[in-house]
Amino acid sequence: MIFLGIFLICGLILSLFVAYNAKFALTTVFTYFAHWAIFFLIGLKAKPEHRKTILMIWLFSMLLVALMSLIALLGWIDVYRLSNEGLLKGFQSHIRFGTLLLIAFHFVFALFLNPKNILKQTIGLGLFATILLVMIVLTGSRGVWFAAAISIFGATLHAIFTNRKRKLAIALVVIAVALGVIVSLSANIIHERIRRTGTDDPSYVFRKNNATMALWIIEDRPLTGIGPGQVPYAKSYFDRMADENLELESGYLKKRHLHSMYLHVGAELGLPGLMLLIGVLICFIWMAIIGAKSQEAFPKTMSYGFLWATVAVAIGEMLDCLLRGPSVAMELFFFAGIIAGIAAENSDSHIGERNQSN
């Protein structure tokens, strides 16, 4: 909350004294507050006895939307917002939906590795995780695939080192990856997205040029940036991009973000804002580590899942700006609040044990 508070206060100050458009800047700061702080506090207030129910309802909701999107992709129903351009969309962009599915996967993967599961639970959760991974492939987001590859590899190594069903973890990942490869080769649009990946891909070119523009802003204004939400109004930088013949996917007054949350925040709130954002993500990971020390199975498992979900989002934010909100930001911060509650309870229990021993 300290990191969040300082981030928002800095945003307010920059909105009033640095931003080109103060009204839009203040709206942006309010958006961060609404999508980050409010949902963190809601999660923090969730009662311990309700946490498992909340998580399972959310996971099955994600599965339901994914299956509906698959049905739309197959042409059995015609709902444009569920599937278009041959990709799963889940009522939003394929990148946001893929990220939400990846968060869900890490929670399910952690539940799958719970050593206290009975056989039926293990089989069901393994099937659930495999379906989610296949759905992630079908979103067609290469940034999400990149985040998934690294975070799932890390989560699997973590399971091996903590001795949580080592063989099952490896077996599930191998099976899921094999199915993902089969799906990617059989789905024409997915195969095409893989084939055209390279330095001449428009997605790569635009992101590279976005990074160039962001670095120019950070170099010019390292301490203050240009103000929250001010990328659309940075006319001098759009003119400079045009002069350098560096193409962007959208231009002055139309462009909303710089396709990397870290570069975007650095450009709009300066390096102090960037450090605060990184500090928030580090806090999430630290809370998950503390929560994973719980003696109870579910809080421990949920903390493991959130740990690697945070890592996945942190990696994905190198290529996108999902934490600007709403969907990924609200849900990640909501679960962060729950994990903060678990970590606080775990810390309190350890303090109580030390006091008793003394």
Protein backbone atom coordinates (compact mmCIF):
# COMPACT_ATOMS: atom_id res chain seq x y z
CA MET A 1 0.00 0.00 0.00
CA ILE A 2 2.95 2.34 0.62
CA PHE A 3 4.27 1.79 -2.91
CA LEU A 4 0.77 2.21 -4.35
CA GLY A 5 0.16 5.35 -2.32
CA ILE A 6 3.42 7.02 -3.37
CA PHE A 7 2.78 6.03 -7.00
CA LEU A 8 -0.66 7.67 -6.94
CA ILE A 9 0.59 10.80 -5.14
CA CYS A 10 3.38 11.19 -7.70
CA GLY A 11 0.79 10.78 -10.44
CA LEU A 12 -1.37 13.54 -8.95
CA ILE A 13 1.58 15.94 -8.66
CA LEU A 14 2.71 15.28 -12.23
CA SER A 15 -0.87 15.67 -13.47
CA LEU A 16 -1.09 19.16 -12.01
CA PHE A 17 2.39 20.48 -12.81
CA VAL A 18 3.82 18.52 -15.75
CA ALA A 19 1.04 17.05 -17.93
CA TYR A 20 -0.03 18.66 -21.21
CA ASN A 21 -3.66 17.74 -20.51
CA ALA A 22 -4.30 17.86 -16.75
CA LYS A 23 -7.88 16.57 -17.01
CA PHE A 24 -6.86 13.41 -18.88
CA ALA A 25 -3.86 12.96 -16.57
CA LEU A 26 -6.07 13.06 -13.46
CA THR A 27 -8.46 10.61 -15.10
CA THR A 28 -5.53 8.27 -15.72
CA VAL A 29 -4.43 8.48 -12.07
CA PHE A 30 -7.99 7.76 -10.95
CA THR A 31 -8.00 4.75 -13.29
CA TYR A 32 -4.87 3.38 -11.63
CA PHE A 33 -6.48 3.94 -8.23
CA ALA A 34 -9.71 2.23 -9.29
CA HIS A 35 -8.05 -0.76 -10.98
CA TRP A 36 -5.18 -1.22 -8.50
CA ALA A 37 -5.83 0.09 -4.99
CA ILE A 38 -9.57 -0.55 -4.73
CA PHE A 39 -9.33 -4.15 -5.95
CA PHE A 40 -6.30 -4.81 -3.75
CA LEU A 41 -8.31 -3.67 -0.73
CA ILE A 42 -11.32 -5.76 -1.76
CA GLY A 43 -9.10 -8.84 -1.98
CA LEU A 44 -7.48 -7.98 1.34
CA LYS A 45 -10.89 -7.93 3.00
CA ALA A 46 -11.90 -11.36 1.67
CA LYS A 47 -12.59 -13.69 4.60
CA PRO A 48 -10.30 -16.73 4.87
CA GLU A 49 -13.23 -19.16 4.63
CA HIS A 50 -14.33 -17.58 1.32
CA ARG A 51 -10.97 -17.57 -0.48
CA LYS A 52 -11.18 -21.05 -1.96
CA THR A 53 -14.73 -20.48 -3.18
CA ILE A 54 -13.75 -17.16 -4.77
CA LEU A 55 -10.80 -18.72 -6.60
CA MET A 56 -12.74 -21.73 -7.86
CA ILE A 57 -15.64 -19.60 -9.10
CA TRP A 58 -13.18 -17.38 -10.96
CA LEU A 59 -11.30 -20.33 -12.46
CA PHE A 60 -14.46 -22.03 -13.71
CA SER A 61 -15.72 -18.69 -15.05
CA MET A 62 -12.51 -18.38 -17.07
CA LEU A 63 -12.94 -21.95 -18.32
CA LEU A 64 -16.55 -21.23 -19.33
CA VAL A 65 -15.59 -18.10 -21.29
CA ALA A 66 -12.72 -20.00 -22.93
CA LEU A 67 -15.02 -22.84 -24.02
CA MET A 68 -17.60 -20.35 -25.33
CA SER A 69 -14.83 -18.64 -27.29
CA LEU A 70 -13.72 -22.00 -28.69
CA ILE A 71 -17.28 -22.74 -29.82
CA ALA A 72 -17.34 -19.36 -31.56
CA LEU A 73 -13.94 -20.06 -33.12
CA LEU A 74 -15.26 -23.34 -34.52
CA GLY A 75 -18.18 -21.45 -36.07
CA TRP A 76 -20.91 -23.12 -34.05
CA ILE A 77 -22.08 -19.73 -32.74
CA ASP A 78 -21.51 -16.28 -34.17
CA VAL A 79 -20.32 -13.95 -31.40
CA TYR A 80 -17.70 -11.53 -32.69
CA ARG A 81 -16.39 -10.53 -29.26
CA LEU A 82 -15.76 -14.15 -28.31
CA SER A 83 -13.71 -14.97 -31.39
CA ASN A 84 -12.62 -13.07 -34.48
CA GLU A 85 -9.64 -13.06 -36.83
CA GLY A 86 -9.33 -16.78 -36.10
CA LEU A 87 -8.32 -16.13 -32.46
CA LEU A 88 -9.91 -16.58 -29.05
CA LYS A 89 -10.91 -13.20 -27.60
CA GLY A 90 -13.14 -13.88 -24.59
CA PHE A 91 -14.96 -10.51 -24.85
CA GLN A 92 -11.67 -8.56 -24.98
CA SER A 93 -8.37 -8.45 -26.84
CA HIS A 94 -6.59 -11.73 -27.46
CA ILE A 95 -3.61 -10.46 -25.42
CA ARG A 96 -5.66 -9.63 -22.32
CA PHE A 97 -7.63 -12.85 -22.58
CA GLY A 98 -4.47 -14.89 -23.04
CA THR A 99 -2.94 -13.26 -19.96
CA LEU A 100 -6.02 -14.00 -17.86
CA LEU A 101 -5.91 -17.62 -19.00
CA LEU A 102 -2.22 -17.76 -18.07
CA ILE A 103 -2.98 -16.44 -14.57
CA ALA A 104 -5.69 -19.10 -14.28
CA PHE A 105 -3.27 -21.78 -15.49
CA HIS A 106 -0.75 -21.01 -12.75
CA PHE A 107 -3.43 -21.26 -10.06
CA VAL A 108 -4.68 -24.57 -11.47
CA PHE A 109 -1.12 -25.87 -11.90
CA ALA A 110 -0.41 -25.08 -8.24
CA LEU A 111 -3.63 -26.82 -7.17
CA PHE A 112 -2.67 -29.79 -9.34
CA LEU A 113 0.65 -30.10 -7.49
CA ASN A 114 -0.95 -30.08 -4.04
CA PRO A 115 0.37 -33.32 -2.44
CA LYS A 116 -2.85 -33.72 -0.44
CA ASN A 117 -5.02 -34.19 -3.54
CA ILE A 118 -6.82 -37.47 -4.07
CA LEU A 119 -6.41 -39.18 -7.46
CA LYS A 120 -9.67 -37.82 -8.92
CA GLN A 121 -8.68 -34.26 -8.02
CA THR A 122 -5.25 -34.68 -9.59
CA ILE A 123 -6.72 -36.04 -12.84
CA GLY A 124 -9.38 -33.33 -13.01
CA LEU A 125 -6.96 -30.50 -12.31
CA GLY A 126 -4.46 -31.92 -14.81
CA LEU A 127 -7.14 -31.92 -17.50
CA PHE A 128 -8.18 -28.39 -16.49
CA ALA A 129 -4.59 -27.10 -16.75
CA THR A 130 -4.08 -28.78 -20.13
CA ILE A 131 -7.25 -27.22 -21.54
CA LEU A 132 -6.16 -23.79 -20.33
CA LEU A 133 -2.76 -24.13 -21.96
CA VAL A 134 -4.31 -25.14 -25.29
CA MET A 135 -6.66 -22.16 -25.05
CA ILE A 136 -3.65 -19.89 -24.43
CA VAL A 137 -2.15 -21.14 -27.69
CA LEU A 138 -5.41 -20.39 -29.51
CA THR A 139 -5.41 -16.75 -28.36
CA GLY A 140 -2.51 -16.30 -30.76
CA SER A 141 -0.67 -13.81 -28.55
CA ARG A 142 3.04 -14.38 -29.02
CA GLY A 143 3.83 -12.16 -26.04
CA VAL A 144 1.64 -14.36 -23.85
CA TRP A 145 3.30 -17.47 -25.30
CA PHE A 146 6.68 -16.01 -24.36
CA ALA A 147 5.51 -15.25 -20.82
CA ALA A 148 3.92 -18.69 -20.56
CA ALA A 149 7.06 -20.52 -21.68
CA ILE A 150 9.30 -18.82 -19.13
CA SER A 151 6.86 -18.79 -16.20
CA ILE A 152 5.70 -22.40 -16.68
CA PHE A 153 9.31 -23.55 -16.94
CA GLY A 154 10.06 -21.66 -13.72
CA ALA A 155 6.98 -23.04 -11.96
CA THR A 156 7.93 -26.58 -12.97
CA LEU A 157 11.50 -26.17 -11.67
CA HIS A 158 10.08 -24.68 -8.48
CA ALA A 159 7.86 -27.74 -8.06
CA ILE A 160 10.84 -30.04 -8.58
CA PHE A 161 13.02 -28.20 -6.06
CA THR A 162 10.24 -28.06 -3.46
CA ASN A 163 9.48 -31.75 -4.03
CA ARG A 164 5.86 -31.22 -5.02
CA LYS A 165 4.92 -34.09 -7.34
CA ARG A 166 8.00 -33.79 -9.54
CA LYS A 167 7.08 -36.49 -12.06
CA LEU A 168 3.48 -35.32 -12.42
CA ALA A 169 4.60 -31.71 -12.95
CA ILE A 170 6.95 -32.73 -15.76
CA ALA A 171 4.40 -35.11 -17.29
CA LEU A 172 1.64 -32.47 -17.36
CA VAL A 173 3.87 -29.86 -18.94
CA VAL A 174 5.13 -32.30 -21.60
CA ILE A 175 1.59 -33.43 -22.49
CA ALA A 176 0.24 -29.87 -22.53
CA VAL A 177 3.11 -28.56 -24.65
CA ALA A 178 2.71 -31.45 -27.10
CA LEU A 179 -1.00 -30.67 -27.48
CA GLY A 180 -0.16 -26.98 -27.87
CA VAL A 181 2.27 -27.77 -30.69
CA ILE A 182 -0.33 -29.96 -32.42
CA VAL A 183 -2.95 -27.21 -32.13
CA SER A 184 -0.56 -24.54 -33.40
CA LEU A 185 0.33 -26.65 -36.45
CA SER A 186 -3.26 -27.57 -37.24
CA ALA A 187 -4.79 -24.08 -36.78
CA ASN A 188 -3.88 -22.08 -39.88
CA ILE A 189 -3.96 -18.63 -38.27
CA ILE A 190 -1.76 -19.78 -35.37
CA HIS A 191 0.68 -21.45 -37.73
CA GLU A 192 0.79 -18.27 -39.83
CA ARG A 193 1.52 -16.09 -36.77
CA ILE A 194 4.41 -18.37 -35.84
CA ARG A 195 5.74 -18.41 -39.42
CA ARG A 196 5.82 -14.63 -39.81
CA THR A 197 7.49 -13.97 -36.46
CA GLY A 198 10.73 -12.12 -37.11
CA THR A 199 12.36 -8.71 -37.35
CA ASP A 200 10.22 -7.76 -40.37
CA ASP A 201 6.95 -8.57 -38.55
CA PRO A 202 4.88 -5.37 -38.08
CA SER A 203 4.30 -6.29 -34.43
CA TYR A 204 8.06 -6.39 -33.83
CA VAL A 205 8.69 -3.20 -35.81
CA PHE A 206 5.98 -1.26 -33.97
CA ARG A 207 7.18 -2.41 -30.55
CA LYS A 208 10.77 -1.55 -31.41
CA ASN A 209 9.71 1.93 -32.53
CA ASN A 210 7.55 2.37 -29.44
CA ALA A 211 10.59 1.55 -27.33
CA THR A 212 12.63 4.15 -29.24
CA MET A 213 10.03 6.85 -28.56
CA ALA A 214 9.79 5.85 -24.88
CA LEU A 215 13.57 6.00 -24.44
CA TRP A 216 13.67 9.46 -26.03
CA ILE A 217 11.11 10.70 -23.50
CA ILE A 218 12.92 9.07 -20.56
CA GLU A 219 16.24 10.53 -21.72
CA ASP A 220 14.72 14.00 -21.93
CA ARG A 221 12.65 13.81 -18.72
CA PRO A 222 14.08 11.08 -16.49
CA LEU A 223 12.65 12.41 -13.22
CA THR A 224 9.15 13.54 -14.18
CA GLY A 225 8.26 11.99 -17.51
CA ILE A 226 5.55 13.76 -19.51
CA GLY A 227 2.75 13.07 -17.02
CA PRO A 228 0.18 10.25 -16.59
CA GLY A 229 -1.81 9.43 -19.71
CA GLN A 230 0.09 11.97 -21.80
CA VAL A 231 1.47 9.74 -24.56
CA PRO A 232 -1.34 10.77 -26.97
CA TYR A 233 -0.42 14.45 -26.48
CA ALA A 234 3.37 14.18 -26.90
CA LYS A 235 3.30 15.89 -30.31
CA SER A 236 6.98 16.79 -30.43
CA TYR A 237 7.92 13.13 -30.07
CA PHE A 238 5.46 12.01 -32.76
CA ASP A 239 6.97 14.65 -35.04
CA ARG A 240 10.45 13.38 -34.24
CA MET A 241 9.36 9.80 -35.03
CA ALA A 242 8.04 10.99 -38.38
CA ASP A 243 11.27 12.86 -39.08
CA GLU A 244 13.25 9.70 -38.35
CA ASN A 245 10.87 7.68 -40.57
CA LEU A 246 9.96 5.40 -37.65
CA GLU A 247 6.45 4.08 -38.18
CA LEU A 248 3.96 3.59 -35.32
CA GLU A 249 0.68 1.70 -35.34
CA SER A 250 -1.17 4.93 -34.43
CA GLY A 251 -0.21 8.57 -34.11
CA TYR A 252 -0.79 11.88 -32.34
CA LEU A 253 -3.99 11.99 -30.23
CA LYS A 254 -4.77 8.35 -31.13
CA LYS A 255 -1.97 6.38 -29.50
CA ARG A 256 -2.70 5.30 -25.92
CA HIS A 257 0.37 3.38 -24.75
CA LEU A 258 3.91 2.38 -25.67
CA HIS A 259 3.51 -1.43 -25.75
CA SER A 260 5.66 -2.01 -22.67
CA MET A 261 4.32 -1.19 -19.22
CA TYR A 262 7.82 -0.49 -17.92
CA LEU A 263 8.75 1.90 -20.74
CA HIS A 264 5.26 3.42 -20.69
CA VAL A 265 5.37 4.21 -16.96
CA GLY A 266 8.98 5.39 -17.27
CA ALA A 267 7.95 7.79 -20.05
CA GLU A 268 4.85 9.11 -18.30
CA LEU A 269 5.92 9.09 -14.63
CA GLY A 270 9.69 9.12 -14.96
CA LEU A 271 12.18 6.68 -13.50
CA PRO A 272 10.80 7.14 -9.94
CA GLY A 273 7.40 5.96 -11.19
CA LEU A 274 9.03 3.00 -12.91
CA MET A 275 10.86 2.05 -9.70
CA LEU A 276 7.57 2.23 -7.77
CA LEU A 277 5.86 -0.07 -10.30
CA ILE A 278 8.71 -2.58 -10.05
CA GLY A 279 8.51 -2.25 -6.27
CA VAL A 280 4.83 -3.19 -6.33
CA LEU A 281 5.55 -6.33 -8.39
CA ILE A 282 8.43 -7.29 -6.07
CA CYS A 283 6.06 -6.86 -3.11
CA PHE A 284 3.60 -9.22 -4.79
CA ILE A 285 6.30 -11.87 -5.16
CA TRP A 286 7.51 -11.34 -1.60
CA MET A 287 3.96 -11.66 -0.22
CA ALA A 288 3.52 -14.90 -2.18
CA ILE A 289 6.78 -16.28 -0.75
CA ILE A 290 5.61 -15.49 2.78
CA GLY A 291 2.15 -16.93 2.06
CA ALA A 292 3.72 -20.13 0.72
CA LYS A 293 5.17 -20.78 4.19
CA SER A 294 1.65 -21.36 5.52
CA GLN A 295 1.03 -24.65 7.30
CA GLU A 296 -2.40 -24.97 5.65
CA ALA A 297 -2.63 -26.60 2.22
CA PHE A 298 -4.88 -24.14 0.35
CA PRO A 299 -3.18 -20.85 1.37
CA LYS A 300 0.19 -22.41 0.53
CA THR A 301 -1.08 -23.64 -2.84
CA MET A 302 -2.76 -20.36 -3.75
CA SER A 303 0.41 -18.46 -2.86
CA TYR A 304 2.48 -20.72 -5.15
CA GLY A 305 0.03 -20.07 -7.98
CA PHE A 306 0.00 -16.32 -7.45
CA LEU A 307 3.80 -16.21 -7.31
CA TRP A 308 4.15 -17.59 -10.83
CA ALA A 309 1.09 -15.72 -12.12
CA THR A 310 2.83 -12.50 -11.06
CA VAL A 311 6.05 -13.59 -12.76
CA ALA A 312 4.06 -14.33 -15.93
CA VAL A 313 2.40 -10.91 -15.93
CA ALA A 314 5.70 -9.17 -15.14
CA ILE A 315 7.29 -10.86 -18.16
CA GLY A 316 4.32 -10.13 -20.40
CA GLU A 317 4.44 -6.44 -19.47
CA MET A 318 7.75 -6.18 -21.29
CA LEU A 319 5.71 -6.31 -24.52
CA ASP A 320 2.33 -4.88 -23.52
CA CYS A 321 0.60 -2.50 -21.10
CA LEU A 322 -1.96 -4.80 -19.49
CA LEU A 323 -1.72 -3.29 -16.02
CA ARG A 324 -3.17 -0.04 -17.34
CA GLY A 325 -6.44 -1.93 -16.88
CA PRO A 326 -9.05 -2.90 -16.53
CA SER A 327 -9.34 -6.71 -16.65
CA VAL A 328 -5.80 -7.98 -15.98
CA ALA A 329 -5.02 -5.15 -13.54
CA MET A 330 -8.19 -5.58 -11.49
CA GLU A 331 -7.90 -9.34 -11.22
CA LEU A 332 -4.18 -9.44 -10.46
CA PHE A 333 -4.51 -6.78 -7.75
CA PHE A 334 -7.60 -8.48 -6.33
CA PHE A 335 -5.71 -11.74 -5.91
CA ALA A 336 -2.73 -9.77 -4.59
CA GLY A 337 -5.01 -8.52 -1.83
CA ILE A 338 -5.99 -12.07 -0.94
CA ILE A 339 -2.35 -13.16 -0.89
CA ALA A 340 -1.49 -10.13 1.27
CA GLY A 341 -4.09 -11.36 3.77
CA ILE A 342 -2.59 -14.85 3.74
CA ALA A 343 0.93 -13.44 4.18
CA ALA A 344 -0.20 -11.24 7.08
CA GLU A 345 -1.86 -14.19 8.84
CA ASN A 346 1.23 -16.31 8.30
CA SER A 347 3.48 -13.56 9.68
CA ASP A 348 1.17 -13.12 12.70
CA SER A 349 1.22 -16.86 13.41
CA HIS A 350 5.04 -16.93 13.34
CA ILE A 351 5.19 -13.93 15.68
CA GLY A 352 2.77 -15.71 18.02
CA GLU A 353 4.89 -18.87 17.98
CA ARG A 354 8.04 -16.88 18.80
CA ASN A 355 6.29 -15.09 21.66
CA GLN A 356 5.12 -18.40 23.10
CA SER A 357 8.60 -19.90 22.86
CA ASN A 358 10.04 -16.84 24.64
